[in-house]
Amino acid sequence: MKNTIIFFIISLLITTTISAQSGANDILYQKGLKAKQEYNYQEGLALFQILLKSDSSNIDYLANTSYFLSRVGQLQPSEDQKMDYYHKAEYIGKKAVLTDPNNAEAHYAYSLAIGRVNEFASNKQKISNAKLLKTELDACLKLNPEHFGAWHILGRWHREIAGLNMVERLAINSFFGGVPPNATYEDAIKCFQNAVKYNPTYILHYFELAKTYYTRDDKGDRDLAKAQLNIALALPNIAPDDPETRKNCEALLKKLQ
């Protein structure tokens, strides 16, 4: 009887502790999502790192930690510091995808990390990553066709591949296993238009769309680029990178005058 009572008390204490931890995690999780919505990258990373320590296999904690590592990494002053964050984001993003292949945010976080790593990768690694990046973005958009972040990265993917000249394509085909097919400026434009459609308050979407029109430079593209830049400049700053994007908008608009 005595042993039964002791076992009951211990079980009750364990249940109470688990319940309290779960409640605390729920509060931190909601604060983390709010930080994400408000572009508070440093706060969001700190919150999700705490959550990930409490449960290293939770898909939401994994995906969001990877996401915030990529975002905070972007704000670092040196290449080495950026890459430290990006590689961590890539590792955790891949773990998220392996944990739940049917989670759109996992695929997005992984693709975001790959894209960031590509900024400083060798040409060979960029081409290798380009194929993986496209696979991850397609998986994300299949699960969530309205994911503006995935549309944005996919727009960049199309523009970069479409911008390769014949010499670069020949070199890639000869030494690096070929250029990923079906990449055009038109597809890049459609992707950025979707990014704007599903997230119309983020300046960077408009800048990248304008940049794509400017790069394609077909008839009427300069006017289309100006229109997007003017929309961007009329929007308020909401993200840490908005001031820099605003400067880029002004610089490109000056070129188009």
C-alpha atoms as a PDB file:
ATOM      1  CA  MET A   1       0.000   0.000   0.000  1.00  0.00           C
ATOM      2  CA  LYS A   2       2.808   2.373   1.015  1.00  0.00           C
ATOM      3  CA  ASN A   3       4.652   1.683  -2.253  1.00  0.00           C
ATOM      4  CA  THR A   4       1.463   2.333  -4.210  1.00  0.00           C
ATOM      5  CA  ILE A   5       1.024   5.720  -2.573  1.00  0.00           C
ATOM      6  CA  ILE A   6       4.662   6.677  -3.227  1.00  0.00           C
ATOM      7  CA  PHE A   7       4.334   5.614  -6.866  1.00  0.00           C
ATOM      8  CA  PHE A   8       1.149   7.679  -7.182  1.00  0.00           C
ATOM      9  CA  ILE A   9       2.827  10.766  -5.716  1.00  0.00           C
ATOM     10  CA  ILE A  10       5.854  10.435  -8.001  1.00  0.00           C
ATOM     11  CA  SER A  11       3.611   9.948 -11.036  1.00  0.00           C
ATOM     12  CA  LEU A  12       1.600  13.025 -10.062  1.00  0.00           C
ATOM     13  CA  LEU A  13       4.754  15.113  -9.681  1.00  0.00           C
ATOM     14  CA  ILE A  14       6.072  13.983 -13.069  1.00  0.00           C
ATOM     15  CA  THR A  15       2.734  14.705 -14.749  1.00  0.00           C
ATOM     16  CA  THR A  16       2.562  18.142 -13.138  1.00  0.00           C
ATOM     17  CA  THR A  17       6.136  18.966 -14.197  1.00  0.00           C
ATOM     18  CA  ILE A  18       5.497  17.860 -17.782  1.00  0.00           C
ATOM     19  CA  SER A  19       2.269  19.857 -17.888  1.00  0.00           C
ATOM     20  CA  ALA A  20       4.011  22.969 -16.555  1.00  0.00           C
ATOM     21  CA  GLN A  21       6.829  22.585 -19.112  1.00  0.00           C
ATOM     22  CA  SER A  22       4.295  22.146 -21.908  1.00  0.00           C
ATOM     23  CA  GLY A  23       2.469  25.282 -20.823  1.00  0.00           C
ATOM     24  CA  ALA A  24       5.707  27.279 -20.699  1.00  0.00           C
ATOM     25  CA  ASN A  25       6.671  26.012 -24.149  1.00  0.00           C
ATOM     26  CA  ASP A  26       3.289  27.035 -25.561  1.00  0.00           C
ATOM     27  CA  ILE A  27       3.818  30.582 -24.281  1.00  0.00           C
ATOM     28  CA  LEU A  28       7.338  30.758 -25.751  1.00  0.00           C
ATOM     29  CA  TYR A  29       6.122  29.271 -29.033  1.00  0.00           C
ATOM     30  CA  GLN A  30       3.401  31.891 -29.444  1.00  0.00           C
ATOM     31  CA  LYS A  31       5.912  34.636 -28.647  1.00  0.00           C
ATOM     32  CA  GLY A  32       8.245  33.134 -31.251  1.00  0.00           C
ATOM     33  CA  LEU A  33       5.545  33.151 -33.913  1.00  0.00           C
ATOM     34  CA  LYS A  34       4.721  36.766 -33.044  1.00  0.00           C
ATOM     35  CA  ALA A  35       8.397  37.670 -33.421  1.00  0.00           C
ATOM     36  CA  LYS A  36       8.391  35.997 -36.833  1.00  0.00           C
ATOM     37  CA  GLN A  37       5.316  37.899 -37.929  1.00  0.00           C
ATOM     38  CA  GLU A  38       6.869  41.165 -36.776  1.00  0.00           C
ATOM     39  CA  TYR A  39      10.319  40.436 -38.302  1.00  0.00           C
ATOM     40  CA  ASN A  40      12.021  40.432 -34.873  1.00  0.00           C
ATOM     41  CA  TYR A  41      14.710  37.981 -35.919  1.00  0.00           C
ATOM     42  CA  GLN A  42      17.002  38.154 -32.889  1.00  0.00           C
ATOM     43  CA  GLU A  43      14.143  37.657 -30.433  1.00  0.00           C
ATOM     44  CA  GLY A  44      12.654  34.857 -32.496  1.00  0.00           C
ATOM     45  CA  LEU A  45      15.954  32.996 -32.674  1.00  0.00           C
ATOM     46  CA  ALA A  46      16.498  33.259 -28.917  1.00  0.00           C
ATOM     47  CA  LEU A  47      13.005  31.906 -28.219  1.00  0.00           C
ATOM     48  CA  PHE A  48      13.179  28.980 -30.627  1.00  0.00           C
ATOM     49  CA  GLN A  49      16.654  27.996 -29.494  1.00  0.00           C
ATOM     50  CA  ILE A  50      15.249  27.646 -25.967  1.00  0.00           C
ATOM     51  CA  LEU A  51      12.350  25.599 -27.317  1.00  0.00           C
ATOM     52  CA  LEU A  52      14.622  23.383 -29.404  1.00  0.00           C
ATOM     53  CA  LYS A  53      16.713  22.575 -26.333  1.00  0.00           C
ATOM     54  CA  SER A  54      13.551  21.371 -24.606  1.00  0.00           C
ATOM     55  CA  ASP A  55      12.554  19.150 -27.544  1.00  0.00           C
ATOM     56  CA  SER A  56      15.119  18.607 -30.297  1.00  0.00           C
ATOM     57  CA  SER A  57      12.738  16.547 -32.441  1.00  0.00           C
ATOM     58  CA  ASN A  58       9.821  18.994 -32.575  1.00  0.00           C
ATOM     59  CA  ILE A  59       9.263  19.862 -36.244  1.00  0.00           C
ATOM     60  CA  ASP A  60       8.017  23.394 -35.549  1.00  0.00           C
ATOM     61  CA  TYR A  61      10.991  24.161 -33.325  1.00  0.00           C
ATOM     62  CA  LEU A  62      13.409  22.771 -35.912  1.00  0.00           C
ATOM     63  CA  ALA A  63      11.924  24.639 -38.881  1.00  0.00           C
ATOM     64  CA  ASN A  64      11.682  27.955 -37.072  1.00  0.00           C
ATOM     65  CA  THR A  65      15.153  27.738 -35.530  1.00  0.00           C
ATOM     66  CA  SER A  66      16.599  27.120 -38.990  1.00  0.00           C
ATOM     67  CA  TYR A  67      14.582  30.023 -40.403  1.00  0.00           C
ATOM     68  CA  PHE A  68      15.751  32.479 -37.747  1.00  0.00           C
ATOM     69  CA  LEU A  69      19.378  31.358 -38.044  1.00  0.00           C
ATOM     70  CA  SER A  70      19.275  32.267 -41.738  1.00  0.00           C
ATOM     71  CA  ARG A  71      17.664  35.617 -40.987  1.00  0.00           C
ATOM     72  CA  VAL A  72      20.000  36.580 -38.170  1.00  0.00           C
ATOM     73  CA  GLY A  73      22.972  35.348 -40.193  1.00  0.00           C
ATOM     74  CA  GLN A  74      22.072  37.782 -42.942  1.00  0.00           C
ATOM     75  CA  LEU A  75      22.541  40.651 -40.485  1.00  0.00           C
ATOM     76  CA  GLN A  76      26.077  39.663 -39.446  1.00  0.00           C
ATOM     77  CA  PRO A  77      28.963  41.964 -40.467  1.00  0.00           C
ATOM     78  CA  SER A  78      31.421  39.444 -41.934  1.00  0.00           C
ATOM     79  CA  GLU A  79      31.294  36.535 -44.351  1.00  0.00           C
ATOM     80  CA  ASP A  80      32.644  34.104 -41.758  1.00  0.00           C
ATOM     81  CA  GLN A  81      29.994  35.111 -39.237  1.00  0.00           C
ATOM     82  CA  LYS A  82      27.257  34.860 -41.847  1.00  0.00           C
ATOM     83  CA  MET A  83      28.390  31.410 -42.952  1.00  0.00           C
ATOM     84  CA  ASP A  84      28.511  30.164 -39.361  1.00  0.00           C
ATOM     85  CA  TYR A  85      24.815  30.940 -39.016  1.00  0.00           C
ATOM     86  CA  TYR A  86      23.953  29.679 -42.499  1.00  0.00           C
ATOM     87  CA  HIS A  87      25.619  26.306 -42.025  1.00  0.00           C
ATOM     88  CA  LYS A  88      23.807  25.819 -38.727  1.00  0.00           C
ATOM     89  CA  ALA A  89      20.556  26.780 -40.449  1.00  0.00           C
ATOM     90  CA  GLU A  90      21.278  24.306 -43.249  1.00  0.00           C
ATOM     91  CA  TYR A  91      21.994  21.471 -40.800  1.00  0.00           C
ATOM     92  CA  ILE A  92      18.850  22.082 -38.735  1.00  0.00           C
ATOM     93  CA  GLY A  93      16.731  22.694 -41.848  1.00  0.00           C
ATOM     94  CA  LYS A  94      17.784  19.350 -43.303  1.00  0.00           C
ATOM     95  CA  LYS A  95      16.963  17.683 -39.990  1.00  0.00           C
ATOM     96  CA  ALA A  96      13.523  19.301 -40.099  1.00  0.00           C
ATOM     97  CA  VAL A  97      12.846  17.932 -43.584  1.00  0.00           C
ATOM     98  CA  LEU A  98      13.961  14.449 -42.537  1.00  0.00           C
ATOM     99  CA  THR A  99      11.792  14.666 -39.416  1.00  0.00           C
ATOM    100  CA  ASP A 100       8.658  15.552 -41.390  1.00  0.00           C
ATOM    101  CA  PRO A 101       8.849  15.539 -45.222  1.00  0.00           C
ATOM    102  CA  ASN A 102       5.235  16.762 -45.351  1.00  0.00           C
ATOM    103  CA  ASN A 103       5.913  20.026 -43.529  1.00  0.00           C
ATOM    104  CA  ALA A 104       6.004  23.064 -45.825  1.00  0.00           C
ATOM    105  CA  GLU A 105       7.910  25.246 -43.338  1.00  0.00           C
ATOM    106  CA  ALA A 106      10.627  22.611 -43.026  1.00  0.00           C
ATOM    107  CA  HIS A 107      11.208  22.610 -46.791  1.00  0.00           C
ATOM    108  CA  TYR A 108      11.156  26.413 -46.852  1.00  0.00           C
ATOM    109  CA  ALA A 109      13.620  26.779 -43.974  1.00  0.00           C
ATOM    110  CA  TYR A 110      15.984  24.301 -45.618  1.00  0.00           C
ATOM    111  CA  SER A 111      15.745  26.058 -48.986  1.00  0.00           C
ATOM    112  CA  LEU A 112      16.331  29.444 -47.359  1.00  0.00           C
ATOM    113  CA  ALA A 113      19.507  28.136 -45.719  1.00  0.00           C
ATOM    114  CA  ILE A 114      20.727  26.597 -48.986  1.00  0.00           C
ATOM    115  CA  GLY A 115      20.125  29.890 -50.767  1.00  0.00           C
ATOM    116  CA  ARG A 116      22.108  31.790 -48.145  1.00  0.00           C
ATOM    117  CA  VAL A 117      25.014  29.338 -48.318  1.00  0.00           C
ATOM    118  CA  ASN A 118      24.992  29.727 -52.098  1.00  0.00           C
ATOM    119  CA  GLU A 119      25.830  33.417 -51.736  1.00  0.00           C
ATOM    120  CA  PHE A 120      29.404  32.442 -50.854  1.00  0.00           C
ATOM    121  CA  ALA A 121      29.680  29.002 -52.487  1.00  0.00           C
ATOM    122  CA  SER A 122      31.939  27.989 -55.370  1.00  0.00           C
ATOM    123  CA  ASN A 123      30.405  27.818 -58.850  1.00  0.00           C
ATOM    124  CA  LYS A 124      30.384  24.023 -58.710  1.00  0.00           C
ATOM    125  CA  GLN A 125      28.638  24.022 -55.335  1.00  0.00           C
ATOM    126  CA  LYS A 126      26.128  26.619 -56.534  1.00  0.00           C
ATOM    127  CA  ILE A 127      25.080  24.420 -59.442  1.00  0.00           C
ATOM    128  CA  SER A 128      24.858  21.367 -57.201  1.00  0.00           C
ATOM    129  CA  ASN A 129      22.824  23.323 -54.674  1.00  0.00           C
ATOM    130  CA  ALA A 130      20.599  24.779 -57.404  1.00  0.00           C
ATOM    131  CA  LYS A 131      19.118  21.375 -58.119  1.00  0.00           C
ATOM    132  CA  LEU A 132      18.520  20.655 -54.434  1.00  0.00           C
ATOM    133  CA  LEU A 133      17.118  24.143 -53.910  1.00  0.00           C
ATOM    134  CA  LYS A 134      14.557  23.695 -56.698  1.00  0.00           C
ATOM    135  CA  THR A 135      13.500  20.329 -55.254  1.00  0.00           C
ATOM    136  CA  GLU A 136      12.936  21.829 -51.796  1.00  0.00           C
ATOM    137  CA  LEU A 137      11.016  24.825 -53.130  1.00  0.00           C
ATOM    138  CA  ASP A 138       8.773  22.627 -55.273  1.00  0.00           C
ATOM    139  CA  ALA A 139       8.050  20.470 -52.221  1.00  0.00           C
ATOM    140  CA  CYS A 140       7.177  23.521 -50.117  1.00  0.00           C
ATOM    141  CA  LEU A 141       4.852  25.013 -52.734  1.00  0.00           C
ATOM    142  CA  LYS A 142       3.142  21.696 -53.347  1.00  0.00           C
ATOM    143  CA  LEU A 143       2.257  21.620 -49.642  1.00  0.00           C
ATOM    144  CA  ASN A 144       1.495  25.346 -49.411  1.00  0.00           C
ATOM    145  CA  PRO A 145       0.905  27.078 -52.781  1.00  0.00           C
ATOM    146  CA  GLU A 146       0.562  30.453 -51.029  1.00  0.00           C
ATOM    147  CA  HIS A 147       3.975  30.435 -49.348  1.00  0.00           C
ATOM    148  CA  PHE A 148       5.335  33.848 -50.318  1.00  0.00           C
ATOM    149  CA  GLY A 149       8.825  33.093 -48.990  1.00  0.00           C
ATOM    150  CA  ALA A 150       9.164  30.069 -51.252  1.00  0.00           C
ATOM    151  CA  TRP A 151       7.830  32.030 -54.246  1.00  0.00           C
ATOM    152  CA  HIS A 152      10.434  34.724 -53.574  1.00  0.00           C
ATOM    153  CA  ILE A 153      13.372  32.307 -53.473  1.00  0.00           C
ATOM    154  CA  LEU A 154      12.068  30.472 -56.537  1.00  0.00           C
ATOM    155  CA  GLY A 155      11.939  33.804 -58.374  1.00  0.00           C
ATOM    156  CA  ARG A 156      15.606  34.357 -57.628  1.00  0.00           C
ATOM    157  CA  TRP A 157      16.371  30.798 -58.713  1.00  0.00           C
ATOM    158  CA  HIS A 158      14.754  31.338 -62.135  1.00  0.00           C
ATOM    159  CA  ARG A 159      16.432  34.715 -62.627  1.00  0.00           C
ATOM    160  CA  GLU A 160      19.929  33.495 -61.772  1.00  0.00           C
ATOM    161  CA  ILE A 161      19.724  30.438 -64.004  1.00  0.00           C
ATOM    162  CA  ALA A 162      18.096  32.411 -66.831  1.00  0.00           C
ATOM    163  CA  GLY A 163      20.902  34.978 -66.630  1.00  0.00           C
ATOM    164  CA  LEU A 164      23.669  32.523 -67.495  1.00  0.00           C
ATOM    165  CA  ASN A 165      25.241  33.243 -70.879  1.00  0.00           C
ATOM    166  CA  MET A 166      26.093  30.613 -73.499  1.00  0.00           C
ATOM    167  CA  VAL A 167      29.729  30.339 -72.380  1.00  0.00           C
ATOM    168  CA  GLU A 168      28.704  29.796 -68.764  1.00  0.00           C
ATOM    169  CA  ARG A 169      26.090  27.239 -69.765  1.00  0.00           C
ATOM    170  CA  LEU A 170      28.615  25.364 -71.907  1.00  0.00           C
ATOM    171  CA  ALA A 171      31.129  25.295 -69.056  1.00  0.00           C
ATOM    172  CA  ILE A 172      28.503  24.078 -66.611  1.00  0.00           C
ATOM    173  CA  ASN A 173      27.289  21.398 -69.006  1.00  0.00           C
ATOM    174  CA  SER A 174      30.871  20.232 -69.556  1.00  0.00           C
ATOM    175  CA  PHE A 175      32.195  20.259 -66.002  1.00  0.00           C
ATOM    176  CA  PHE A 176      29.357  20.481 -63.502  1.00  0.00           C
ATOM    177  CA  GLY A 177      26.682  18.145 -64.816  1.00  0.00           C
ATOM    178  CA  GLY A 178      24.413  20.557 -66.644  1.00  0.00           C
ATOM    179  CA  VAL A 179      22.202  23.590 -66.040  1.00  0.00           C
ATOM    180  CA  PRO A 180      18.867  22.988 -64.313  1.00  0.00           C
ATOM    181  CA  PRO A 181      16.244  23.205 -67.077  1.00  0.00           C
ATOM    182  CA  ASN A 182      13.163  25.406 -67.459  1.00  0.00           C
ATOM    183  CA  ALA A 183      14.472  28.607 -65.894  1.00  0.00           C
ATOM    184  CA  THR A 184      13.259  31.835 -67.540  1.00  0.00           C
ATOM    185  CA  TYR A 185      12.812  35.503 -66.687  1.00  0.00           C
ATOM    186  CA  GLU A 186       9.096  35.076 -67.335  1.00  0.00           C
ATOM    187  CA  ASP A 187       8.884  32.395 -64.666  1.00  0.00           C
ATOM    188  CA  ALA A 188      10.926  34.552 -62.307  1.00  0.00           C
ATOM    189  CA  ILE A 189       8.462  37.404 -62.806  1.00  0.00           C
ATOM    190  CA  LYS A 190       5.494  35.117 -62.104  1.00  0.00           C
ATOM    191  CA  CYS A 191       7.168  33.906 -58.913  1.00  0.00           C
ATOM    192  CA  PHE A 192       7.811  37.416 -57.610  1.00  0.00           C
ATOM    193  CA  GLN A 193       4.268  38.422 -58.543  1.00  0.00           C
ATOM    194  CA  ASN A 194       3.011  35.571 -56.378  1.00  0.00           C
ATOM    195  CA  ALA A 195       5.304  36.667 -53.551  1.00  0.00           C
ATOM    196  CA  VAL A 196       3.761  40.142 -53.771  1.00  0.00           C
ATOM    197  CA  LYS A 197       0.251  38.696 -53.982  1.00  0.00           C
ATOM    198  CA  TYR A 198       0.599  36.660 -50.810  1.00  0.00           C
ATOM    199  CA  ASN A 199       2.691  39.207 -48.884  1.00  0.00           C
ATOM    200  CA  PRO A 200       2.032  42.713 -50.285  1.00  0.00           C
ATOM    201  CA  THR A 201       3.696  44.693 -47.473  1.00  0.00           C
ATOM    202  CA  TYR A 202       7.290  43.464 -47.853  1.00  0.00           C
ATOM    203  CA  ILE A 203       9.489  45.888 -49.806  1.00  0.00           C
ATOM    204  CA  LEU A 204      11.983  43.259 -50.963  1.00  0.00           C
ATOM    205  CA  HIS A 205       9.393  41.428 -53.110  1.00  0.00           C
ATOM    206  CA  TYR A 206       8.812  44.577 -55.173  1.00  0.00           C
ATOM    207  CA  PHE A 207      12.512  45.322 -55.505  1.00  0.00           C
ATOM    208  CA  GLU A 208      13.317  41.827 -56.769  1.00  0.00           C
ATOM    209  CA  LEU A 209      10.416  41.990 -59.221  1.00  0.00           C
ATOM    210  CA  ALA A 210      11.652  45.367 -60.486  1.00  0.00           C
ATOM    211  CA  LYS A 211      15.205  44.024 -60.717  1.00  0.00           C
ATOM    212  CA  THR A 212      13.947  41.124 -62.829  1.00  0.00           C
ATOM    213  CA  TYR A 213      12.161  43.461 -65.251  1.00  0.00           C
ATOM    214  CA  TYR A 214      15.323  45.568 -65.429  1.00  0.00           C
ATOM    215  CA  THR A 215      17.486  42.511 -66.082  1.00  0.00           C
ATOM    216  CA  ARG A 216      15.181  41.080 -68.763  1.00  0.00           C
ATOM    217  CA  ASP A 217      14.941  44.527 -70.430  1.00  0.00           C
ATOM    218  CA  ASP A 218      12.219  43.731 -72.944  1.00  0.00           C
ATOM    219  CA  LYS A 219       9.960  46.407 -74.394  1.00  0.00           C
ATOM    220  CA  GLY A 220       8.117  48.142 -71.583  1.00  0.00           C
ATOM    221  CA  ASP A 221      10.154  46.483 -68.830  1.00  0.00           C
ATOM    222  CA  ARG A 222      11.738  49.719 -67.656  1.00  0.00           C
ATOM    223  CA  ASP A 223       8.321  51.259 -67.005  1.00  0.00           C
ATOM    224  CA  LEU A 224       7.181  48.085 -65.245  1.00  0.00           C
ATOM    225  CA  ALA A 225      10.306  48.203 -63.078  1.00  0.00           C
ATOM    226  CA  LYS A 226       9.685  51.864 -62.192  1.00  0.00           C
ATOM    227  CA  ALA A 227       6.134  51.077 -61.150  1.00  0.00           C
ATOM    228  CA  GLN A 228       7.256  48.334 -58.769  1.00  0.00           C
ATOM    229  CA  LEU A 229       9.970  50.518 -57.270  1.00  0.00           C
ATOM    230  CA  ASN A 230       7.538  53.353 -56.627  1.00  0.00           C
ATOM    231  CA  ILE A 231       5.203  50.953 -54.825  1.00  0.00           C
ATOM    232  CA  ALA A 232       8.094  49.692 -52.724  1.00  0.00           C
ATOM    233  CA  LEU A 233       9.231  53.188 -51.767  1.00  0.00           C
ATOM    234  CA  ALA A 234       5.705  54.093 -50.649  1.00  0.00           C
ATOM    235  CA  LEU A 235       5.659  51.249 -48.129  1.00  0.00           C
ATOM    236  CA  PRO A 236       6.847  51.642 -44.509  1.00  0.00           C
ATOM    237  CA  ASN A 237       9.883  49.778 -43.185  1.00  0.00           C
ATOM    238  CA  ILE A 238       8.838  46.634 -41.306  1.00  0.00           C
ATOM    239  CA  ALA A 239      11.860  44.302 -41.536  1.00  0.00           C
ATOM    240  CA  PRO A 240      15.492  44.853 -40.451  1.00  0.00           C
ATOM    241  CA  ASP A 241      16.687  44.706 -44.069  1.00  0.00           C
ATOM    242  CA  ASP A 242      14.103  47.207 -45.348  1.00  0.00           C
ATOM    243  CA  PRO A 243      16.354  50.309 -45.041  1.00  0.00           C
ATOM    244  CA  GLU A 244      18.997  48.637 -47.208  1.00  0.00           C
ATOM    245  CA  THR A 245      16.361  47.468 -49.685  1.00  0.00           C
ATOM    246  CA  ARG A 246      14.976  50.996 -49.847  1.00  0.00           C
ATOM    247  CA  LYS A 247      18.441  52.302 -50.786  1.00  0.00           C
ATOM    248  CA  ASN A 248      18.654  49.648 -53.508  1.00  0.00           C
ATOM    249  CA  CYS A 249      15.256  50.696 -54.804  1.00  0.00           C
ATOM    250  CA  GLU A 250      16.337  54.326 -54.983  1.00  0.00           C
ATOM    251  CA  ALA A 251      19.579  53.398 -56.750  1.00  0.00           C
ATOM    252  CA  LEU A 252      17.788  51.281 -59.366  1.00  0.00           C
ATOM    253  CA  LEU A 253      15.132  53.938 -59.891  1.00  0.00           C
ATOM    254  CA  LYS A 254      17.900  56.473 -60.525  1.00  0.00           C
ATOM    255  CA  LYS A 255      19.303  54.195 -63.246  1.00  0.00           C
ATOM    256  CA  LEU A 256      15.894  54.060 -64.882  1.00  0.00           C
ATOM    257  CA  GLN A 257      15.327  57.831 -64.986  1.00  0.00           C
END
